[in-house]
Amino acid sequence: MPGFLANIDAIKSKGVDTVACISVNDAFVMGAWAKDQKTDGKILMLGDGSGEFSQAMGLTMDLTKNGLGVRSQRYAMIVQDGVIKDLFVEKPGAFEASTAENVLKHL
């Protein structure tokens, strides 16, 4: 989140209409996260409470053994006119593919 907030103007200057964050959480958690991160309407926060979107994307991971249930993998994507143009899925434990800087390079 911090990287996308720091780069929001550069991302928008590339013609991006909406930057969104989706997480397997409910709307209340997403609202609290937005407030904590001071997204101030810059990033659209979307709750995928039951993980249905993540499952439909094939991007879930089962962390039940860790007490977390089914969660979403970390990823970023570029969508143009409803079509996924680029999908950057992180390897477990990594934080490179889904960064704002990487997305910005591909815009």
C-alpha atoms as a PDB file:
ATOM      1  CA  MET A   1       0.000   0.000   0.000  1.00  0.00           C
ATOM      2  CA  PRO A   2       2.656   2.596   0.863  1.00  0.00           C
ATOM      3  CA  GLY A   3       4.358   2.173  -2.511  1.00  0.00           C
ATOM      4  CA  PHE A   4       1.121   2.714  -4.404  1.00  0.00           C
ATOM      5  CA  LEU A   5       0.320   5.795  -2.326  1.00  0.00           C
ATOM      6  CA  ALA A   6       3.808   7.188  -2.891  1.00  0.00           C
ATOM      7  CA  ASN A   7       3.533   6.589  -6.648  1.00  0.00           C
ATOM      8  CA  ILE A   8      -0.146   7.414  -7.158  1.00  0.00           C
ATOM      9  CA  ASP A   9       0.534  10.570  -9.210  1.00  0.00           C
ATOM     10  CA  ALA A  10       3.018   8.776 -11.482  1.00  0.00           C
ATOM     11  CA  ILE A  11       0.595   5.874 -11.947  1.00  0.00           C
ATOM     12  CA  LYS A  12      -2.316   8.191 -12.734  1.00  0.00           C
ATOM     13  CA  SER A  13      -0.130  10.161 -15.175  1.00  0.00           C
ATOM     14  CA  LYS A  14       0.105   6.952 -17.258  1.00  0.00           C
ATOM     15  CA  GLY A  15      -3.662   7.100 -17.858  1.00  0.00           C
ATOM     16  CA  VAL A  16      -4.780   4.885 -14.986  1.00  0.00           C
ATOM     17  CA  ASP A  17      -8.314   5.734 -13.853  1.00  0.00           C
ATOM     18  CA  THR A  18      -8.520   3.605 -10.713  1.00  0.00           C
ATOM     19  CA  VAL A  19      -6.019   2.015  -8.360  1.00  0.00           C
ATOM     20  CA  ALA A  20      -7.738  -0.634  -6.254  1.00  0.00           C
ATOM     21  CA  CYS A  21      -6.722  -2.948  -3.444  1.00  0.00           C
ATOM     22  CA  ILE A  22      -8.649  -6.173  -2.937  1.00  0.00           C
ATOM     23  CA  SER A  23      -8.227  -8.414   0.077  1.00  0.00           C
ATOM     24  CA  VAL A  24      -9.974 -11.400   1.619  1.00  0.00           C
ATOM     25  CA  ASN A  25     -11.487  -9.212   4.339  1.00  0.00           C
ATOM     26  CA  ASP A  26     -14.843  -7.595   4.971  1.00  0.00           C
ATOM     27  CA  ALA A  27     -15.765  -3.996   4.163  1.00  0.00           C
ATOM     28  CA  PHE A  28     -15.220  -2.904   7.776  1.00  0.00           C
ATOM     29  CA  VAL A  29     -11.631  -4.180   7.833  1.00  0.00           C
ATOM     30  CA  MET A  30     -10.958  -2.593   4.455  1.00  0.00           C
ATOM     31  CA  GLY A  31     -12.387   0.709   5.690  1.00  0.00           C
ATOM     32  CA  ALA A  32     -10.213   0.625   8.803  1.00  0.00           C
ATOM     33  CA  TRP A  33      -7.167  -0.229   6.682  1.00  0.00           C
ATOM     34  CA  ALA A  34      -7.922   2.677   4.334  1.00  0.00           C
ATOM     35  CA  LYS A  35      -8.188   5.028   7.302  1.00  0.00           C
ATOM     36  CA  ASP A  36      -4.962   3.723   8.841  1.00  0.00           C
ATOM     37  CA  GLN A  37      -3.051   4.023   5.559  1.00  0.00           C
ATOM     38  CA  LYS A  38      -4.619   7.418   4.771  1.00  0.00           C
ATOM     39  CA  THR A  39      -5.686   6.370   1.294  1.00  0.00           C
ATOM     40  CA  ASP A  40      -8.089   9.356   1.280  1.00  0.00           C
ATOM     41  CA  GLY A  41      -9.960   8.098  -1.770  1.00  0.00           C
ATOM     42  CA  LYS A  42      -6.759   7.655  -3.771  1.00  0.00           C
ATOM     43  CA  ILE A  43      -7.041   3.863  -3.660  1.00  0.00           C
ATOM     44  CA  LEU A  44     -10.342   2.005  -3.939  1.00  0.00           C
ATOM     45  CA  MET A  45     -10.478  -0.553  -1.135  1.00  0.00           C
ATOM     46  CA  LEU A  46     -12.412  -3.713  -2.042  1.00  0.00           C
ATOM     47  CA  GLY A  47     -13.348  -6.500   0.343  1.00  0.00           C
ATOM     48  CA  ASP A  48     -13.454 -10.055  -0.996  1.00  0.00           C
ATOM     49  CA  GLY A  49     -14.983 -11.352   2.236  1.00  0.00           C
ATOM     50  CA  SER A  50     -15.574 -14.936   1.166  1.00  0.00           C
ATOM     51  CA  GLY A  51     -12.628 -15.062  -1.213  1.00  0.00           C
ATOM     52  CA  GLU A  52     -14.893 -15.704  -4.190  1.00  0.00           C
ATOM     53  CA  PHE A  53     -13.084 -13.270  -6.498  1.00  0.00           C
ATOM     54  CA  SER A  54      -9.691 -14.619  -5.460  1.00  0.00           C
ATOM     55  CA  GLN A  55     -10.896 -18.172  -6.017  1.00  0.00           C
ATOM     56  CA  ALA A  56     -12.323 -17.309  -9.448  1.00  0.00           C
ATOM     57  CA  MET A  57      -8.934 -15.815 -10.349  1.00  0.00           C
ATOM     58  CA  GLY A  58      -7.181 -19.014  -9.233  1.00  0.00           C
ATOM     59  CA  LEU A  59      -5.186 -16.995  -6.703  1.00  0.00           C
ATOM     60  CA  THR A  60      -6.114 -18.516  -3.365  1.00  0.00           C
ATOM     61  CA  MET A  61      -3.849 -20.307  -0.944  1.00  0.00           C
ATOM     62  CA  ASP A  62      -4.906 -22.478   1.971  1.00  0.00           C
ATOM     63  CA  LEU A  63      -3.316 -21.262   5.198  1.00  0.00           C
ATOM     64  CA  THR A  64      -5.693 -23.183   7.448  1.00  0.00           C
ATOM     65  CA  LYS A  65      -2.792 -24.981   9.127  1.00  0.00           C
ATOM     66  CA  ASN A  66      -1.559 -21.538  10.231  1.00  0.00           C
ATOM     67  CA  GLY A  67      -4.982 -20.532  11.536  1.00  0.00           C
ATOM     68  CA  LEU A  68      -5.668 -18.114   8.671  1.00  0.00           C
ATOM     69  CA  GLY A  69      -8.069 -20.101   6.485  1.00  0.00           C
ATOM     70  CA  VAL A  70      -8.151 -19.608   2.751  1.00  0.00           C
ATOM     71  CA  ARG A  71      -6.475 -16.361   1.752  1.00  0.00           C
ATOM     72  CA  SER A  72      -5.468 -14.610  -1.446  1.00  0.00           C
ATOM     73  CA  GLN A  73      -1.992 -14.700  -2.868  1.00  0.00           C
ATOM     74  CA  ARG A  74      -0.261 -11.336  -3.187  1.00  0.00           C
ATOM     75  CA  TYR A  75      -0.503  -9.997  -6.730  1.00  0.00           C
ATOM     76  CA  ALA A  76      -0.953  -6.878  -8.828  1.00  0.00           C
ATOM     77  CA  MET A  77      -2.615  -6.596 -12.184  1.00  0.00           C
ATOM     78  CA  ILE A  78      -3.150  -4.096 -14.931  1.00  0.00           C
ATOM     79  CA  VAL A  79      -6.675  -4.159 -16.316  1.00  0.00           C
ATOM     80  CA  GLN A  80      -7.698  -2.258 -19.430  1.00  0.00           C
ATOM     81  CA  ASP A  81     -11.335  -2.080 -20.484  1.00  0.00           C
ATOM     82  CA  GLY A  82     -12.163  -5.079 -18.284  1.00  0.00           C
ATOM     83  CA  VAL A  83      -9.373  -7.246 -19.718  1.00  0.00           C
ATOM     84  CA  ILE A  84      -6.362  -8.297 -17.647  1.00  0.00           C
ATOM     85  CA  LYS A  85      -3.316  -7.090 -19.580  1.00  0.00           C
ATOM     86  CA  ASP A  86      -0.647  -8.017 -17.013  1.00  0.00           C
ATOM     87  CA  LEU A  87      -0.778 -10.167 -13.876  1.00  0.00           C
ATOM     88  CA  PHE A  88       2.139 -10.116 -11.440  1.00  0.00           C
ATOM     89  CA  VAL A  89       1.863 -12.920  -8.864  1.00  0.00           C
ATOM     90  CA  GLU A  90       4.351 -13.007  -6.016  1.00  0.00           C
ATOM     91  CA  LYS A  91       6.299 -16.091  -5.101  1.00  0.00           C
ATOM     92  CA  PRO A  92       5.545 -17.032  -1.466  1.00  0.00           C
ATOM     93  CA  GLY A  93       7.557 -14.818   0.864  1.00  0.00           C
ATOM     94  CA  ALA A  94       8.672 -12.439  -1.895  1.00  0.00           C
ATOM     95  CA  PHE A  95       7.736  -8.812  -2.421  1.00  0.00           C
ATOM     96  CA  GLU A  96       8.889  -7.808  -5.888  1.00  0.00           C
ATOM     97  CA  ALA A  97       6.353  -8.590  -8.612  1.00  0.00           C
ATOM     98  CA  SER A  98       3.396  -6.830  -6.992  1.00  0.00           C
ATOM     99  CA  THR A  99       5.138  -3.592  -6.063  1.00  0.00           C
ATOM    100  CA  ALA A 100       3.968  -0.223  -7.352  1.00  0.00           C
ATOM    101  CA  GLU A 101       7.366   0.284  -8.925  1.00  0.00           C
ATOM    102  CA  ASN A 102       7.043  -2.927 -10.943  1.00  0.00           C
ATOM    103  CA  VAL A 103       3.514  -2.072 -12.052  1.00  0.00           C
ATOM    104  CA  LEU A 104       4.643   1.416 -13.054  1.00  0.00           C
ATOM    105  CA  LYS A 105       7.372  -0.081 -15.284  1.00  0.00           C
ATOM    106  CA  HIS A 106       4.688  -1.998 -17.207  1.00  0.00           C
ATOM    107  CA  LEU A 107       2.262   0.865 -17.771  1.00  0.00           C
END
